[in-house]
Protein backbone atom coordinates (compact mmCIF):
# COMPACT_ATOMS: atom_id res chain seq x y z
CA MET A 1 -10.81 5.05 12.65
CA TYR A 2 -8.64 5.07 9.52
CA ARG A 3 -11.11 7.22 7.61
CA GLN A 4 -11.37 9.72 10.47
CA ILE A 5 -7.59 10.00 10.76
CA ARG A 6 -7.18 10.41 7.01
CA ASN A 7 -9.85 13.14 6.89
CA ILE A 8 -8.08 14.99 9.69
CA PHE A 9 -4.78 14.82 7.83
CA LYS A 10 -6.34 16.03 4.60
CA TYR A 11 -7.28 19.27 6.34
CA MET A 12 -3.93 19.38 8.14
CA LYS A 13 -2.19 18.93 4.81
CA ILE A 14 -3.95 21.97 3.37
CA ALA A 15 -3.15 24.06 6.43
CA LEU A 16 0.51 23.01 6.43
CA LEU A 17 0.93 23.73 2.74
CA LEU A 18 -0.58 27.18 3.16
CA LEU A 19 1.62 27.89 6.17
CA PHE A 20 4.83 26.84 4.42
CA CYS A 21 3.87 28.60 1.22
CA THR A 22 3.41 31.82 3.16
CA PHE A 23 6.41 31.80 5.47
CA PHE A 24 9.06 29.25 4.50
CA MET A 25 9.35 27.73 1.04
CA PRO A 26 6.68 29.10 -1.31
CA GLU A 27 8.10 27.84 -4.62
CA ARG A 28 8.77 24.34 -3.41
CA ILE A 29 5.52 23.70 -1.56
CA SER A 30 3.38 25.35 -4.22
CA ALA A 31 4.83 22.96 -6.79
CA ALA A 32 4.28 19.99 -4.47
CA ALA A 33 0.68 21.07 -3.90
CA VAL A 34 -0.01 21.30 -7.61
CA GLU A 35 1.60 17.91 -8.21
CA SER A 36 -0.37 16.35 -5.36
CA SER A 37 -3.65 17.73 -6.68
CA SER A 38 -2.99 16.33 -10.14
CA ASP A 39 -2.25 12.89 -8.69
CA GLN A 40 -5.68 12.71 -7.04
CA ALA A 41 -7.15 12.25 -10.53
CA ALA A 42 -4.33 10.12 -11.92
CA VAL A 43 -4.84 8.22 -15.16
CA TYR A 44 -3.58 4.65 -14.89
CA PRO A 45 -2.35 3.13 -18.16
CA GLN A 46 -3.14 -0.41 -19.19
CA LEU A 47 0.06 -2.45 -19.00
CA LYS A 48 1.30 -4.60 -21.85
CA ALA A 49 -0.11 -8.12 -21.99
CA LYS A 50 3.33 -9.69 -22.41
CA ALA A 51 6.94 -8.70 -21.76
CA SER A 52 10.30 -10.41 -21.86
CA SER A 53 11.52 -8.68 -18.68
CA PRO A 54 10.14 -6.58 -15.79
CA ILE A 55 11.12 -3.32 -17.48
CA GLY A 56 8.93 -4.29 -20.43
CA PHE A 57 5.81 -3.69 -18.32
CA VAL A 58 6.81 -0.12 -17.41
CA PRO A 59 4.72 2.49 -19.31
CA GLU A 60 6.13 5.80 -20.47
CA GLY A 61 6.33 8.28 -17.60
CA TRP A 62 6.52 5.53 -14.98
CA LYS A 63 9.42 3.72 -13.29
CA LEU A 64 10.09 0.27 -11.87
CA GLU A 65 10.14 0.77 -8.11
CA LYS A 66 10.32 -2.87 -6.91
CA GLU A 67 10.34 -6.36 -8.41
CA TYR A 68 9.80 -9.74 -6.77
CA ARG A 69 10.04 -13.37 -7.95
CA ASP A 70 8.33 -16.57 -6.84
CA ASP A 71 6.25 -19.42 -8.24
CA LEU A 72 2.74 -18.07 -7.74
CA ASN A 73 0.66 -20.60 -9.70
CA GLY A 74 2.47 -23.81 -8.80
CA ASP A 75 3.81 -24.70 -12.24
CA GLY A 76 7.45 -24.69 -11.16
CA ILE A 77 8.29 -21.55 -13.16
CA MET A 78 9.32 -18.29 -11.52
CA ASP A 79 6.65 -15.60 -11.78
CA LEU A 80 6.93 -11.85 -11.39
CA VAL A 81 5.38 -9.15 -9.23
CA VAL A 82 6.31 -5.54 -9.90
CA LEU A 83 5.53 -2.27 -8.20
CA LEU A 84 5.49 0.63 -10.63
CA ARG A 85 5.39 4.31 -9.75
CA LYS A 86 4.68 7.38 -11.78
CA GLN A 87 7.78 9.51 -12.18
CA ARG A 88 8.08 12.85 -10.44
CA LYS A 89 8.44 15.98 -12.48
CA PRO A 90 12.17 16.69 -12.86
CA ASP A 91 11.65 20.41 -12.33
CA LEU A 92 9.97 20.03 -8.92
CA PRO A 93 11.91 22.42 -6.64
CA LYS A 94 13.93 20.90 -3.81
CA SER A 95 15.56 22.47 -0.80
CA SER A 96 18.88 21.72 0.84
CA ASP A 97 17.34 20.95 4.24
CA THR A 98 16.27 17.51 5.49
CA SER A 99 12.62 18.23 6.23
CA GLU A 100 9.81 15.73 5.67
CA PHE A 101 8.97 17.46 2.42
CA ASP A 102 12.18 16.15 0.80
CA SER A 103 10.84 12.57 0.71
CA PHE A 104 7.18 13.48 0.23
CA ASP A 105 6.15 11.81 -3.03
CA THR A 106 2.47 11.88 -3.96
CA LYS A 107 2.91 9.86 -7.14
CA PRO A 108 0.57 6.85 -7.59
CA ARG A 109 1.60 3.21 -7.86
CA ILE A 110 0.55 0.20 -9.89
CA LEU A 111 0.89 -3.31 -8.49
CA ALA A 112 1.13 -5.97 -11.19
CA ALA A 113 1.72 -9.71 -11.44
CA ALA A 114 2.82 -11.73 -14.47
CA PHE A 115 3.29 -15.46 -14.88
CA GLY A 116 6.47 -16.83 -16.38
CA SER A 117 6.50 -19.08 -19.43
CA SER A 118 9.19 -21.62 -20.25
CA ALA A 119 8.08 -21.76 -23.89
CA GLU A 120 8.10 -18.01 -24.55
CA HIS A 121 10.86 -17.10 -22.09
CA GLY A 122 8.87 -14.11 -20.92
CA PHE A 123 5.94 -13.08 -18.75
CA THR A 124 2.18 -12.77 -19.26
CA LEU A 125 0.27 -10.16 -17.27
CA VAL A 126 -2.42 -11.63 -15.01
CA MET A 127 -3.15 -8.75 -12.64
CA GLN A 128 -2.72 -5.01 -12.31
CA ASN A 129 -4.11 -3.03 -9.39
CA HIS A 130 -3.86 0.62 -8.35
CA THR A 131 -6.36 0.77 -5.49
CA LEU A 132 -4.94 -1.42 -2.71
CA ILE A 133 -1.94 0.83 -1.98
CA PRO A 134 -3.23 4.34 -1.14
CA LEU A 135 -1.62 7.56 -2.29
CA HIS A 136 0.87 9.26 0.01
CA GLU A 137 -1.33 12.24 0.85
CA SER A 138 0.44 14.14 3.62
CA PRO A 139 4.08 15.02 4.38
CA VAL A 140 3.50 14.34 8.07
CA MET A 141 2.25 10.81 7.33
CA SER A 142 4.42 7.82 6.48
CA ASP A 143 4.38 6.38 2.98
CA PRO A 144 1.44 3.92 3.04
CA PHE A 145 3.47 1.19 1.32
CA SER A 146 5.64 -0.69 3.80
CA GLU A 147 6.66 -3.98 2.18
CA LEU A 148 5.69 -6.84 -0.12
CA THR A 149 6.82 -10.42 0.31
CA LEU A 150 6.40 -13.57 -1.78
CA LYS A 151 6.83 -16.96 -0.13
CA ARG A 152 5.64 -20.39 -1.25
CA GLY A 153 3.11 -18.93 -3.65
CA VAL A 154 1.68 -16.47 -1.14
CA MET A 155 1.80 -12.71 -1.67
CA LYS A 156 1.70 -10.49 1.41
CA ILE A 157 1.36 -6.71 1.16
CA THR A 158 1.83 -4.52 4.23
CA LEU A 159 0.64 -0.94 4.59
CA GLU A 160 1.77 1.48 7.28
CA SER A 161 0.13 4.47 8.95
CA TRP A 162 2.35 6.62 11.13
CA ALA A 163 2.14 10.36 11.80
CA SER A 164 4.95 12.64 12.92
CA MET A 165 2.33 15.06 14.25
CA GLY A 166 -1.41 15.21 14.85
CA SER A 167 -2.06 11.66 16.04
CA TRP A 168 -0.78 9.23 18.65
CA TYR A 169 -1.92 6.22 16.65
CA SER A 170 0.25 4.11 14.38
CA SER A 171 -0.71 0.92 12.59
CA ASN A 172 0.34 -1.78 10.15
CA ILE A 173 -2.11 -3.68 7.94
CA SER A 174 -1.18 -6.80 6.00
CA PHE A 175 -3.18 -8.44 3.22
CA THR A 176 -2.34 -12.02 2.27
CA PHE A 177 -3.25 -13.34 -1.19
CA ARG A 178 -2.98 -16.65 -3.01
CA TYR A 179 -3.67 -17.20 -6.71
CA ARG A 180 -6.79 -19.31 -7.21
CA GLU A 181 -9.52 -19.48 -9.85
CA ASN A 182 -7.84 -16.93 -12.11
CA CYS A 183 -7.31 -14.18 -9.54
CA PHE A 184 -5.41 -13.36 -6.36
CA LYS A 185 -7.76 -14.28 -3.52
CA LEU A 186 -7.62 -12.58 -0.13
CA ILE A 187 -6.98 -15.38 2.38
CA GLY A 188 -5.62 -13.44 5.36
CA TYR A 189 -5.75 -10.05 7.05
CA ASP A 190 -3.61 -8.80 9.94
CA ARG A 191 -3.72 -5.44 11.68
CA TYR A 192 -1.53 -4.02 14.44
CA GLU A 193 -2.48 -0.77 16.18
CA LEU A 194 -0.51 1.15 18.78
CA HIS A 195 -1.40 4.26 20.75
CA ARG A 196 2.03 5.76 21.33
CA GLY A 197 0.82 7.81 24.28
CA SER A 198 -0.74 5.07 26.39
CA GLY A 199 1.17 2.10 24.97
CA ARG A 200 -2.05 0.23 24.26
CA GLU A 201 -1.78 -2.37 21.49
CA VAL A 202 -4.46 -4.17 19.50
CA GLU A 203 -3.54 -7.03 17.17
CA THR A 204 -6.15 -8.54 14.87
CA SER A 205 -5.63 -11.65 12.74
CA ILE A 206 -8.27 -12.99 10.34
CA ASN A 207 -8.19 -16.21 8.34
CA PHE A 208 -10.79 -15.99 5.56
CA GLN A 209 -10.31 -19.65 4.66
CA THR A 210 -11.27 -20.97 8.10
CA GLY A 211 -13.54 -18.13 9.22
CA ARG A 212 -11.54 -17.52 12.40
CA LYS A 213 -10.66 -14.18 13.97
CA ASN A 214 -8.25 -13.55 16.86
CA VAL A 215 -7.91 -10.23 18.67
CA SER A 216 -5.16 -9.55 21.21
CA SER A 217 -5.28 -6.30 23.21
CA GLY A 218 -3.50 -4.72 26.14
CA LEU A 219 -0.64 -2.48 27.18
CA ALA A 220 2.72 -3.07 25.52
CA ASP A 221 4.41 -4.21 28.73
CA LYS A 222 1.46 -6.17 30.14
CA LYS A 223 -0.16 -9.50 29.42
CA HIS A 224 -2.66 -9.19 26.59
CA ARG A 225 -6.26 -10.29 26.56
CA ILE A 226 -6.95 -12.67 23.66
CA LYS A 227 -10.40 -13.12 22.16
CA SER A 228 -11.13 -15.72 19.49
CA SER A 229 -14.30 -15.85 17.42
CA ARG A 230 -15.76 -17.26 14.24
CA PHE A 231 -17.55 -15.49 11.42
CA GLN A 232 -19.65 -16.73 8.55
CA ARG A 233 -17.41 -17.56 5.64
CA SER A 234 -18.19 -16.24 2.19
CA PRO A 235 -16.50 -16.72 -1.19
CA LEU A 236 -12.94 -15.40 -1.08
CA SER A 237 -12.57 -11.92 -2.57
CA CYS A 238 -10.25 -11.17 -5.48
CA ILE A 239 -7.74 -8.37 -4.98
CA GLU A 240 -9.81 -6.15 -7.28
CA LYS A 241 -12.73 -6.34 -4.81
CA VAL A 242 -10.67 -5.38 -1.76
CA GLY A 243 -10.48 -1.72 -2.74
CA GLU A 244 -8.22 0.73 -0.93
CA GLY A 245 -6.31 -0.92 1.87
CA PHE A 246 -6.99 1.62 4.60
CA ALA A 247 -10.72 1.67 3.77
CA PHE A 248 -11.11 -2.12 3.86
CA GLU A 249 -13.71 -3.21 6.42
CA ALA A 250 -12.73 -6.48 8.04
CA PRO A 251 -15.38 -8.75 9.61
């Protein structure tokens, strides 16, 4: 379903850009279209192996969007997770209105984790990933990145799909990781889907450690039907193997 919706919005995006370029704001949307096209083939720099602070991992032309702290490897030292984003061109035209195009940023992100060291008083890079969080591809779609939380050594990343036009569906997808065997392993997956027209909800929760899957479905104001099942467990996947979040195929 996610792939179908995204394909629809890719064509809608082209149509909307052409429409606005022709009738409303040609300079602004033309620039956004060019910037968006260039981001589809973005080059992701290799981050520094070590840094004394979060800003030390930020490459030229990028910015520190978010930073988080927690003990991720159980050594009692605070570790670091950063979300980096490529900077927008300063000369990108902007309008004085409050349309969706004002906050439409196609720039890619890099998710990175670094472990703290008491001896060196700095951080050592252990992971960088640019595939899990998709690009923001359409001005009528929400930014795919919703939130990231760290708690008791567990990293949870939530993506959001919401359209202001063209689809009644909205959804949230959460990926839960824990650092094991030299990588961040996917241990949990949660998905919430809502059809805003009918009010039908579907909630899916998967525990990759136990091989259990629970699905709850029904109307928002009615009692839900809950179905539990088991699936054959396989070795836990590292974050690098998960791929793009919206394209991930859960068991």
